[in-house]
């Protein structure tokens, strides 16, 4: 325990983990809470306009995810060739800060021009959000890969858990800070304070972040990037445990990410909570994300990351089943707790497991595929959920409950398939 504490409080590890703190301030404040609220404020709150607002939110997120899907394997190739991660964390983070700050600035200035019947300032803010979300997710590819240079593999689960725990603490600090500084009545007022906090807590990794000290061979830079990406797919097929794990992660992340992204409309329109009450639910889920990150970090260290992921899947399935049932709304607090535990622990386990499974010389490439798998699921999950609610809209709240059950089926499939990963690792 003393050794773990000393490791976690070392300058390289602490500065690395603080980036989890800063990027979840952006994720919670902008992506999850206040940008969706801003779009709804701008377009109106009647049922039709709420759906149009959701379309703008979904399309901007999908565009950002599309470009990440396109480029994340190339990021991995670049990491393996150059071992340069800190440089791009700094570049992408500064773009996130600039775009978020400009979102708040554009909302404050008077622009009377319109385009497609919408205020030009609104469309520019949508564009800036899309760029910010893309660069935010891009920075995480380099950030996650940096963990391998901080400590031996046996310590990765503890370091990962520490980072995720600090990350969700960042969520609490971010939300509470903007509530204190500017309030939440006007969502756009939160953009500039969020940008400043994001930059402030990113500075330690800018200064103390550590890259691998390996010699770079110049001829490596000249090879065709896309050809190497294709080779990575072929290589993954030759590593059955990694190949199957990426499929497991796709479905597990699909279920969890969609459940989290749809929690607000589900809690308010199906379960019956008010918007202000939902912030409390979100905070509860965040607190238990911290708990889950720490607990599963140590569980993974003692029973192995692969077996720990199986327990995460089980927690998620219980949460999805409970959420789908027409129980008294007090039960949804338990669902929020379970979702929070799953949300905090899946990152601890999955990014540790991808390091454990990857050959050292191809670690960056597999991180790229890992990120791409997550982003593909982030596109597909909401699409499936939305299609079910659209096709079954005549059935009211039942449609959303069936959509939640579809996420349970995804999680169940991942749970069962992951047994094969465990068997492959046991044999090896």
Protein backbone atom coordinates (compact mmCIF):
# COMPACT_ATOMS: atom_id res chain seq x y z
CA UNK A 1 0.00 0.00 0.00
CA UNK A 2 2.81 2.46 0.92
CA UNK A 3 4.53 1.68 -2.37
CA UNK A 4 1.28 2.34 -4.29
CA UNK A 5 0.75 5.68 -2.52
CA UNK A 6 4.34 6.74 -3.24
CA UNK A 7 3.88 5.79 -6.89
CA UNK A 8 0.56 7.64 -7.25
CA UNK A 9 1.94 10.80 -5.66
CA UNK A 10 5.08 10.85 -7.82
CA UNK A 11 5.22 13.90 -10.11
CA UNK A 12 4.88 12.06 -13.46
CA UNK A 13 1.93 9.92 -12.30
CA UNK A 14 0.12 12.72 -10.46
CA UNK A 15 0.49 15.14 -13.39
CA UNK A 16 -0.77 12.41 -15.74
CA UNK A 17 -3.76 11.66 -13.52
CA UNK A 18 -4.64 15.34 -13.19
CA UNK A 19 -5.30 15.36 -16.93
CA UNK A 20 -8.13 12.90 -16.23
CA UNK A 21 -9.36 15.50 -13.74
CA UNK A 22 -9.27 18.29 -16.33
CA UNK A 23 -10.73 16.40 -19.30
CA UNK A 24 -13.75 15.16 -17.34
CA UNK A 25 -14.51 18.76 -16.35
CA UNK A 26 -14.91 19.40 -20.08
CA UNK A 27 -16.76 16.13 -20.70
CA UNK A 28 -19.29 16.59 -17.90
CA UNK A 29 -19.88 20.33 -18.23
CA UNK A 30 -19.89 20.66 -22.01
CA UNK A 31 -20.69 17.28 -23.58
CA UNK A 32 -23.09 15.83 -21.01
CA UNK A 33 -24.85 18.76 -19.31
CA UNK A 34 -24.64 22.30 -20.60
CA UNK A 35 -24.10 22.11 -24.36
CA UNK A 36 -27.29 20.00 -24.77
CA UNK A 37 -29.09 22.43 -22.46
CA UNK A 38 -27.78 25.36 -24.55
CA UNK A 39 -29.06 23.85 -27.82
CA UNK A 40 -32.47 23.23 -26.27
CA UNK A 41 -32.58 26.81 -24.95
CA UNK A 42 -31.80 28.17 -28.41
CA UNK A 43 -34.26 26.06 -30.40
CA UNK A 44 -37.17 25.94 -27.96
CA UNK A 45 -38.65 23.45 -25.53
CA UNK A 46 -41.84 22.14 -27.20
CA UNK A 47 -41.78 18.43 -28.12
CA UNK A 48 -41.02 18.96 -31.83
CA UNK A 49 -38.21 21.46 -31.22
CA UNK A 50 -36.73 19.21 -28.54
CA UNK A 51 -36.33 16.50 -31.18
CA UNK A 52 -34.70 18.98 -33.58
CA UNK A 53 -32.34 20.04 -30.78
CA UNK A 54 -31.48 16.39 -30.16
CA UNK A 55 -30.73 15.99 -33.87
CA UNK A 56 -28.23 18.86 -33.81
CA UNK A 57 -26.56 17.38 -30.72
CA UNK A 58 -26.44 13.87 -32.19
CA UNK A 59 -25.15 15.00 -35.60
CA UNK A 60 -22.35 17.13 -34.14
CA UNK A 61 -21.29 14.24 -31.90
CA UNK A 62 -21.49 11.78 -34.80
CA UNK A 63 -19.31 13.98 -37.04
CA UNK A 64 -16.69 14.26 -34.30
CA UNK A 65 -16.82 10.49 -33.77
CA UNK A 66 -16.54 9.85 -37.53
CA UNK A 67 -13.28 11.78 -37.82
CA UNK A 68 -11.92 10.09 -34.72
CA UNK A 69 -12.79 6.70 -36.20
CA UNK A 70 -10.95 7.74 -39.35
CA UNK A 71 -7.82 9.02 -37.62
CA UNK A 72 -7.39 7.14 -34.32
CA UNK A 73 -5.59 4.13 -35.89
CA UNK A 74 -3.19 6.60 -37.54
CA UNK A 75 -2.60 8.19 -34.15
CA UNK A 76 -1.58 4.76 -32.89
CA UNK A 77 0.80 4.24 -35.79
CA UNK A 78 2.35 7.64 -35.08
CA UNK A 79 2.80 6.78 -31.38
CA UNK A 80 4.58 3.52 -32.19
CA UNK A 81 6.86 5.21 -34.73
CA UNK A 82 7.80 8.32 -32.75
CA UNK A 83 6.84 7.64 -29.09
CA UNK A 84 5.72 11.30 -28.98
CA UNK A 85 2.54 11.68 -26.94
CA UNK A 86 3.01 14.80 -24.81
CA UNK A 87 3.35 17.10 -27.85
CA UNK A 88 -0.06 16.15 -29.22
CA UNK A 89 -1.75 16.17 -25.82
CA UNK A 90 -0.68 19.81 -25.55
CA UNK A 91 -1.77 20.71 -29.10
CA UNK A 92 -5.19 19.05 -28.86
CA UNK A 93 -5.82 20.41 -25.36
CA UNK A 94 -5.10 23.98 -26.47
CA UNK A 95 -7.58 23.56 -29.33
CA UNK A 96 -10.22 22.26 -26.89
CA UNK A 97 -9.62 25.26 -24.64
CA UNK A 98 -9.76 27.75 -27.53
CA UNK A 99 -12.95 26.33 -29.02
CA UNK A 100 -14.74 26.14 -25.66
CA UNK A 101 -13.70 29.69 -24.76
CA UNK A 102 -14.88 30.97 -28.15
CA UNK A 103 -18.22 29.21 -27.68
CA UNK A 104 -18.82 31.35 -24.61
CA UNK A 105 -17.48 34.49 -26.30
CA UNK A 106 -19.69 34.12 -29.40
CA UNK A 107 -22.75 33.77 -27.20
CA UNK A 108 -21.96 37.13 -25.57
CA UNK A 109 -21.50 39.19 -28.74
CA UNK A 110 -24.32 40.45 -30.95
CA UNK A 111 -24.49 38.76 -34.37
CA UNK A 112 -27.64 39.47 -36.35
CA UNK A 113 -26.71 37.34 -39.40
CA UNK A 114 -28.64 34.13 -40.03
CA UNK A 115 -27.94 31.02 -42.09
CA UNK A 116 -30.55 28.38 -42.95
CA UNK A 117 -32.95 30.35 -40.76
CA UNK A 118 -30.74 29.96 -37.69
CA UNK A 119 -28.52 32.56 -35.97
CA UNK A 120 -24.98 32.48 -37.36
CA UNK A 121 -23.57 32.58 -33.83
CA UNK A 122 -25.52 29.42 -32.96
CA UNK A 123 -24.15 27.57 -36.01
CA UNK A 124 -20.59 28.69 -35.21
CA UNK A 125 -20.97 27.43 -31.65
CA UNK A 126 -22.16 24.07 -33.02
CA UNK A 127 -19.05 23.97 -35.26
CA UNK A 128 -16.73 24.89 -32.39
CA UNK A 129 -18.30 22.21 -30.20
CA UNK A 130 -17.75 19.59 -32.91
CA UNK A 131 -14.07 20.57 -33.23
CA UNK A 132 -13.65 20.64 -29.45
CA UNK A 133 -15.21 17.20 -29.03
CA UNK A 134 -13.07 15.72 -31.80
CA UNK A 135 -9.81 17.16 -30.41
CA UNK A 136 -10.80 16.23 -26.85
CA UNK A 137 -11.25 12.59 -27.87
CA UNK A 138 -8.08 12.71 -29.98
CA UNK A 139 -6.03 13.84 -26.98
CA UNK A 140 -7.25 10.81 -25.02
CA UNK A 141 -5.63 8.39 -27.49
CA UNK A 142 -2.21 9.92 -26.73
CA UNK A 143 -3.02 10.32 -23.05
CA UNK A 144 -4.02 6.68 -22.52
CA UNK A 145 -0.93 5.46 -24.38
CA UNK A 146 1.30 7.58 -22.10
CA UNK A 147 0.41 5.36 -19.12
CA UNK A 148 2.76 2.61 -20.33
CA UNK A 149 5.78 4.91 -19.79
CA UNK A 150 4.89 5.69 -16.16
CA UNK A 151 5.37 2.34 -14.41
CA UNK A 152 5.66 -1.44 -14.92
CA UNK A 153 2.60 -3.30 -16.23
CA UNK A 154 1.70 -4.72 -12.81
CA UNK A 155 1.01 -1.17 -11.57
CA UNK A 156 -1.10 -0.04 -14.53
CA UNK A 157 -4.46 -1.02 -13.02
CA UNK A 158 -3.78 1.03 -9.87
CA UNK A 159 -2.54 4.03 -11.88
CA UNK A 160 -5.50 3.77 -14.23
CA UNK A 161 -7.90 3.59 -11.28
CA UNK A 162 -6.27 6.64 -9.72
CA UNK A 163 -6.65 8.58 -12.98
CA UNK A 164 -10.28 7.64 -13.46
CA UNK A 165 -11.09 8.43 -9.82
CA UNK A 166 -9.49 11.87 -10.14
CA UNK A 167 -11.39 12.25 -13.39
CA UNK A 168 -14.77 11.81 -11.81
CA UNK A 169 -13.75 14.05 -8.94
CA UNK A 170 -13.12 16.55 -11.73
CA UNK A 171 -16.73 16.10 -12.78
CA UNK A 172 -17.91 17.09 -9.30
CA UNK A 173 -15.54 20.05 -9.12
CA UNK A 174 -16.48 21.21 -12.62
CA UNK A 175 -20.24 21.11 -12.08
CA UNK A 176 -20.16 22.59 -8.57
CA UNK A 177 -17.74 25.34 -9.62
CA UNK A 178 -19.87 26.63 -12.49
CA UNK A 179 -22.98 26.41 -10.31
CA UNK A 180 -21.21 28.65 -7.79
CA UNK A 181 -19.56 31.00 -10.30
CA UNK A 182 -22.27 31.60 -12.91
CA UNK A 183 -25.22 29.33 -12.08
CA UNK A 184 -26.89 26.98 -14.53
CA UNK A 185 -29.89 29.04 -15.64
CA UNK A 186 -28.14 30.12 -18.85
CA UNK A 187 -26.08 27.20 -20.12
CA UNK A 188 -23.73 29.25 -22.32
CA UNK A 189 -22.47 31.15 -19.26
CA UNK A 190 -20.71 27.94 -18.18
CA UNK A 191 -18.55 27.64 -21.32
CA UNK A 192 -15.75 30.13 -20.47
CA UNK A 193 -15.31 29.02 -16.80
CA UNK A 194 -15.17 25.42 -17.99
CA UNK A 195 -12.52 26.28 -20.60
CA UNK A 196 -10.37 28.01 -17.97
CA UNK A 197 -10.63 25.10 -15.50
CA UNK A 198 -9.81 22.61 -18.25
CA UNK A 199 -6.65 24.51 -19.17
CA UNK A 200 -5.60 25.10 -15.56
CA UNK A 201 -5.60 21.43 -14.59
CA UNK A 202 -3.98 20.40 -17.90
CA UNK A 203 -0.84 22.46 -17.20
CA UNK A 204 0.86 19.77 -15.00
CA UNK A 205 0.93 17.23 -17.84
CA UNK A 206 2.16 19.95 -20.22
CA UNK A 207 5.16 20.47 -17.94
CA UNK A 208 5.81 17.09 -16.33
CA UNK A 209 4.31 14.63 -18.84
CA UNK A 210 6.72 11.84 -19.78
CA UNK A 211 7.33 10.23 -23.17
CA UNK A 212 9.18 6.97 -23.77
CA UNK A 213 12.91 7.51 -24.14
CA UNK A 214 13.43 5.28 -27.14
CA UNK A 215 15.56 5.89 -30.20
CA UNK A 216 13.49 6.85 -33.24
CA UNK A 217 14.50 5.32 -36.53
CA UNK A 218 13.96 7.82 -39.32
CA UNK A 219 13.12 5.22 -41.92
CA UNK A 220 10.10 4.18 -39.85
CA UNK A 221 8.45 7.54 -40.54
CA UNK A 222 8.42 6.95 -44.30
CA UNK A 223 6.15 3.91 -44.41
CA UNK A 224 2.53 4.22 -45.56
CA UNK A 225 0.28 4.92 -42.57
CA UNK A 226 -2.91 3.35 -43.91
CA UNK A 227 -1.03 0.24 -45.00
CA UNK A 228 0.24 -0.08 -41.45
CA UNK A 229 -3.31 0.36 -40.12
CA UNK A 230 -4.44 -2.54 -42.31
CA UNK A 231 -1.53 -4.56 -40.98
CA UNK A 232 -2.76 -3.77 -37.46
CA UNK A 233 -6.17 -5.27 -38.25
CA UNK A 234 -4.46 -8.35 -39.63
CA UNK A 235 -2.22 -8.50 -36.58
CA UNK A 236 -5.25 -8.25 -34.27
CA UNK A 237 -6.74 -11.33 -35.95
CA UNK A 238 -3.53 -13.19 -35.12
CA UNK A 239 -3.94 -12.21 -31.46
CA UNK A 240 -7.31 -13.86 -30.62
CA UNK A 241 -7.53 -12.45 -27.09
CA UNK A 242 -7.11 -8.85 -28.31
CA UNK A 243 -9.41 -9.36 -31.29
CA UNK A 244 -12.24 -10.77 -29.17
CA UNK A 245 -11.67 -8.21 -26.40
CA UNK A 246 -12.16 -5.38 -28.92
CA UNK A 247 -15.52 -6.90 -29.88
CA UNK A 248 -16.45 -7.30 -26.19
CA UNK A 249 -15.50 -3.71 -25.52
CA UNK A 250 -17.53 -2.54 -28.51
CA UNK A 251 -20.77 -4.02 -27.15
CA UNK A 252 -20.07 -3.28 -23.50
CA UNK A 253 -19.16 0.34 -24.18
CA UNK A 254 -22.10 0.58 -26.58
CA UNK A 255 -24.52 -0.36 -23.81
CA UNK A 256 -22.89 1.78 -21.12
CA UNK A 257 -22.21 4.91 -23.20
CA UNK A 258 -25.73 4.91 -24.63
CA UNK A 259 -27.29 4.38 -21.21
CA UNK A 260 -25.31 7.32 -19.80
CA UNK A 261 -26.05 9.59 -22.76
CA UNK A 262 -29.77 8.79 -22.61
CA UNK A 263 -30.01 8.94 -18.82
CA UNK A 264 -31.23 12.54 -18.76
CA UNK A 265 -34.22 12.14 -21.14
CA UNK A 266 -35.02 8.71 -19.68
CA UNK A 267 -34.98 9.97 -16.10
CA UNK A 268 -37.13 13.01 -16.89
CA UNK A 269 -39.64 11.67 -19.45
CA UNK A 270 -39.99 8.03 -18.39
CA UNK A 271 -39.12 7.87 -14.69
CA UNK A 272 -40.55 11.31 -13.86
CA UNK A 273 -37.69 13.36 -12.38
CA UNK A 274 -37.38 17.12 -12.92
CA UNK A 275 -34.36 18.61 -14.70
CA UNK A 276 -32.95 19.94 -11.44
CA UNK A 277 -33.45 16.57 -9.74
CA UNK A 278 -31.53 14.92 -12.57
CA UNK A 279 -28.42 16.95 -11.75
CA UNK A 280 -28.55 15.33 -8.31
CA UNK A 281 -28.83 11.89 -9.92
CA UNK A 282 -25.89 12.70 -12.19
CA UNK A 283 -23.82 13.74 -9.17
CA UNK A 284 -24.67 10.50 -7.36
CA UNK A 285 -23.56 8.50 -10.40
CA UNK A 286 -20.34 10.53 -10.51
CA UNK A 287 -19.53 9.90 -6.84
CA UNK A 288 -19.93 6.16 -7.34
CA UNK A 289 -17.82 6.37 -10.48
CA UNK A 290 -14.96 7.40 -8.19
CA UNK A 291 -15.77 4.51 -5.84
CA UNK A 292 -15.95 2.06 -8.74
CA UNK A 293 -12.66 3.27 -10.23
CA UNK A 294 -10.74 2.73 -6.99
CA UNK A 295 -12.39 -0.57 -6.06
CA UNK A 296 -12.06 -2.18 -9.46
CA UNK A 297 -8.49 -0.92 -9.83
CA UNK A 298 -7.56 -3.09 -6.85
CA UNK A 299 -9.89 -5.94 -7.86
CA UNK A 300 -8.12 -6.04 -11.24
CA UNK A 301 -4.73 -6.11 -9.54
CA UNK A 302 -5.70 -9.14 -7.45
CA UNK A 303 -7.85 -11.26 -9.78
CA UNK A 304 -6.69 -9.93 -13.14
CA UNK A 305 -8.17 -7.33 -15.47
CA UNK A 306 -9.99 -9.88 -17.64
CA UNK A 307 -11.97 -11.39 -14.75
CA UNK A 308 -12.63 -7.95 -13.27
CA UNK A 309 -14.21 -6.83 -16.56
CA UNK A 310 -16.66 -9.72 -16.24
CA UNK A 311 -17.89 -8.28 -12.95
CA UNK A 312 -18.24 -4.83 -14.49
CA UNK A 313 -20.47 -6.32 -17.19
CA UNK A 314 -22.60 -8.00 -14.52
CA UNK A 315 -23.06 -4.71 -12.61
CA UNK A 316 -24.11 -2.99 -15.83
CA UNK A 317 -26.64 -5.71 -16.70
CA UNK A 318 -28.29 -5.44 -13.27
CA UNK A 319 -28.55 -1.66 -13.68
CA UNK A 320 -30.12 -1.98 -17.15
CA UNK A 321 -32.69 -4.55 -16.01
CA UNK A 322 -33.73 -2.43 -13.02
CA UNK A 323 -33.97 0.70 -15.17
CA UNK A 324 -36.21 -1.02 -17.72
CA UNK A 325 -38.80 -2.11 -15.13
CA UNK A 326 -41.74 0.16 -14.13
CA UNK A 327 -40.60 0.38 -10.51
CA UNK A 328 -41.13 3.33 -8.12
CA UNK A 329 -38.79 6.13 -9.18
CA UNK A 330 -36.77 5.81 -5.96
CA UNK A 331 -35.29 2.65 -7.49
CA UNK A 332 -33.64 4.78 -10.14
CA UNK A 333 -31.21 6.06 -7.51
CA UNK A 334 -29.91 2.49 -7.22
CA UNK A 335 -29.63 2.36 -11.01
CA UNK A 336 -27.60 5.60 -10.94
CA UNK A 337 -25.26 4.09 -8.34
CA UNK A 338 -24.74 0.93 -10.44
CA UNK A 339 -24.30 2.91 -13.66
CA UNK A 340 -21.75 5.08 -11.87
CA UNK A 341 -19.76 2.07 -10.64
CA UNK A 342 -19.76 0.58 -14.15
CA UNK A 343 -18.86 3.92 -15.74
CA UNK A 344 -15.86 4.46 -13.46
CA UNK A 345 -14.54 0.93 -13.59
CA UNK A 346 -14.81 0.15 -17.30
CA UNK A 347 -12.04 2.63 -18.13
CA UNK A 348 -9.83 1.34 -15.33
CA UNK A 349 -10.18 -2.21 -16.59
CA UNK A 350 -10.31 -1.74 -20.36
CA UNK A 351 -7.31 0.52 -20.85
CA UNK A 352 -5.29 -1.65 -18.45
CA UNK A 353 -6.35 -4.79 -20.30
CA UNK A 354 -5.42 -3.43 -23.73
CA UNK A 355 -1.89 -2.75 -22.43
CA UNK A 356 -1.66 -6.24 -20.92
CA UNK A 357 -2.82 -7.91 -24.14
CA UNK A 358 -0.85 -5.81 -26.63
CA UNK A 359 2.64 -6.69 -27.84
CA UNK A 360 4.91 -3.87 -26.66
CA UNK A 361 6.03 -2.93 -30.16
CA UNK A 362 2.41 -2.51 -31.34
CA UNK A 363 0.89 -1.00 -28.21
CA UNK A 364 0.11 2.38 -29.79
CA UNK A 365 -1.57 0.77 -32.79
CA UNK A 366 -3.83 -1.35 -30.60
CA UNK A 367 -4.71 1.73 -28.55
CA UNK A 368 -5.81 3.31 -31.82
CA UNK A 369 -8.04 0.31 -32.63
CA UNK A 370 -9.31 0.34 -29.05
CA UNK A 371 -10.31 3.99 -29.38
CA UNK A 372 -11.90 3.33 -32.76
CA UNK A 373 -13.95 0.46 -31.30
CA UNK A 374 -15.22 2.77 -28.55
CA UNK A 375 -16.14 5.53 -30.98
CA UNK A 376 -17.91 3.17 -33.37
CA UNK A 377 -20.04 2.01 -30.46
CA UNK A 378 -20.68 5.65 -29.50
CA UNK A 379 -22.21 6.17 -32.93
CA UNK A 380 -24.13 2.90 -33.20
CA UNK A 381 -25.66 2.73 -29.71
CA UNK A 382 -27.64 5.98 -29.77
CA UNK A 383 -28.73 5.22 -33.35
CA UNK A 384 -30.22 1.86 -32.33
CA UNK A 385 -31.78 3.34 -29.19
CA UNK A 386 -33.32 6.21 -31.16
CA UNK A 387 -34.62 3.92 -33.90
CA UNK A 388 -36.45 1.76 -31.34
CA UNK A 389 -38.07 4.77 -29.64
CA UNK A 390 -39.05 6.20 -33.04
CA UNK A 391 -40.58 2.97 -34.35
CA UNK A 392 -42.42 2.29 -31.09
CA UNK A 393 -43.27 5.92 -30.27
CA UNK A 394 -47.02 5.15 -30.23
CA UNK A 395 -46.42 3.04 -27.11
CA UNK A 396 -45.08 5.99 -25.09
CA UNK A 397 -42.72 5.21 -22.22
CA UNK A 398 -42.79 1.50 -23.11
CA UNK A 399 -40.71 2.31 -26.18
CA UNK A 400 -37.91 3.71 -24.04
CA UNK A 401 -38.07 0.73 -21.69
CA UNK A 402 -37.69 -1.64 -24.67
CA UNK A 403 -34.77 0.48 -25.91
CA UNK A 404 -33.09 0.09 -22.52
CA UNK A 405 -33.62 -3.68 -22.78
CA UNK A 406 -31.85 -3.64 -26.14
CA UNK A 407 -28.81 -2.28 -24.29
CA UNK A 408 -29.10 -5.16 -21.84
CA UNK A 409 -28.90 -7.59 -24.76
CA UNK A 410 -25.70 -5.89 -25.94
CA UNK A 411 -24.18 -6.13 -22.45
CA UNK A 412 -25.25 -9.77 -22.14
CA UNK A 413 -23.59 -10.58 -25.46
CA UNK A 414 -20.37 -8.92 -24.27
CA UNK A 415 -20.57 -10.78 -20.94
CA UNK A 416 -20.88 -14.18 -22.63
CA UNK A 417 -18.25 -13.49 -25.29
CA UNK A 418 -15.76 -12.34 -22.66
CA UNK A 419 -15.62 -15.88 -21.26
CA UNK A 420 -13.66 -16.74 -24.42
CA UNK A 421 -11.12 -13.99 -23.67
CA UNK A 422 -10.64 -15.42 -20.16
CA UNK A 423 -10.22 -18.96 -21.55
CA UNK A 424 -7.63 -17.77 -24.08
CA UNK A 425 -5.66 -15.98 -21.39
CA UNK A 426 -5.84 -19.01 -19.09
CA UNK A 427 -4.42 -21.25 -21.84
CA UNK A 428 -1.57 -18.85 -22.54
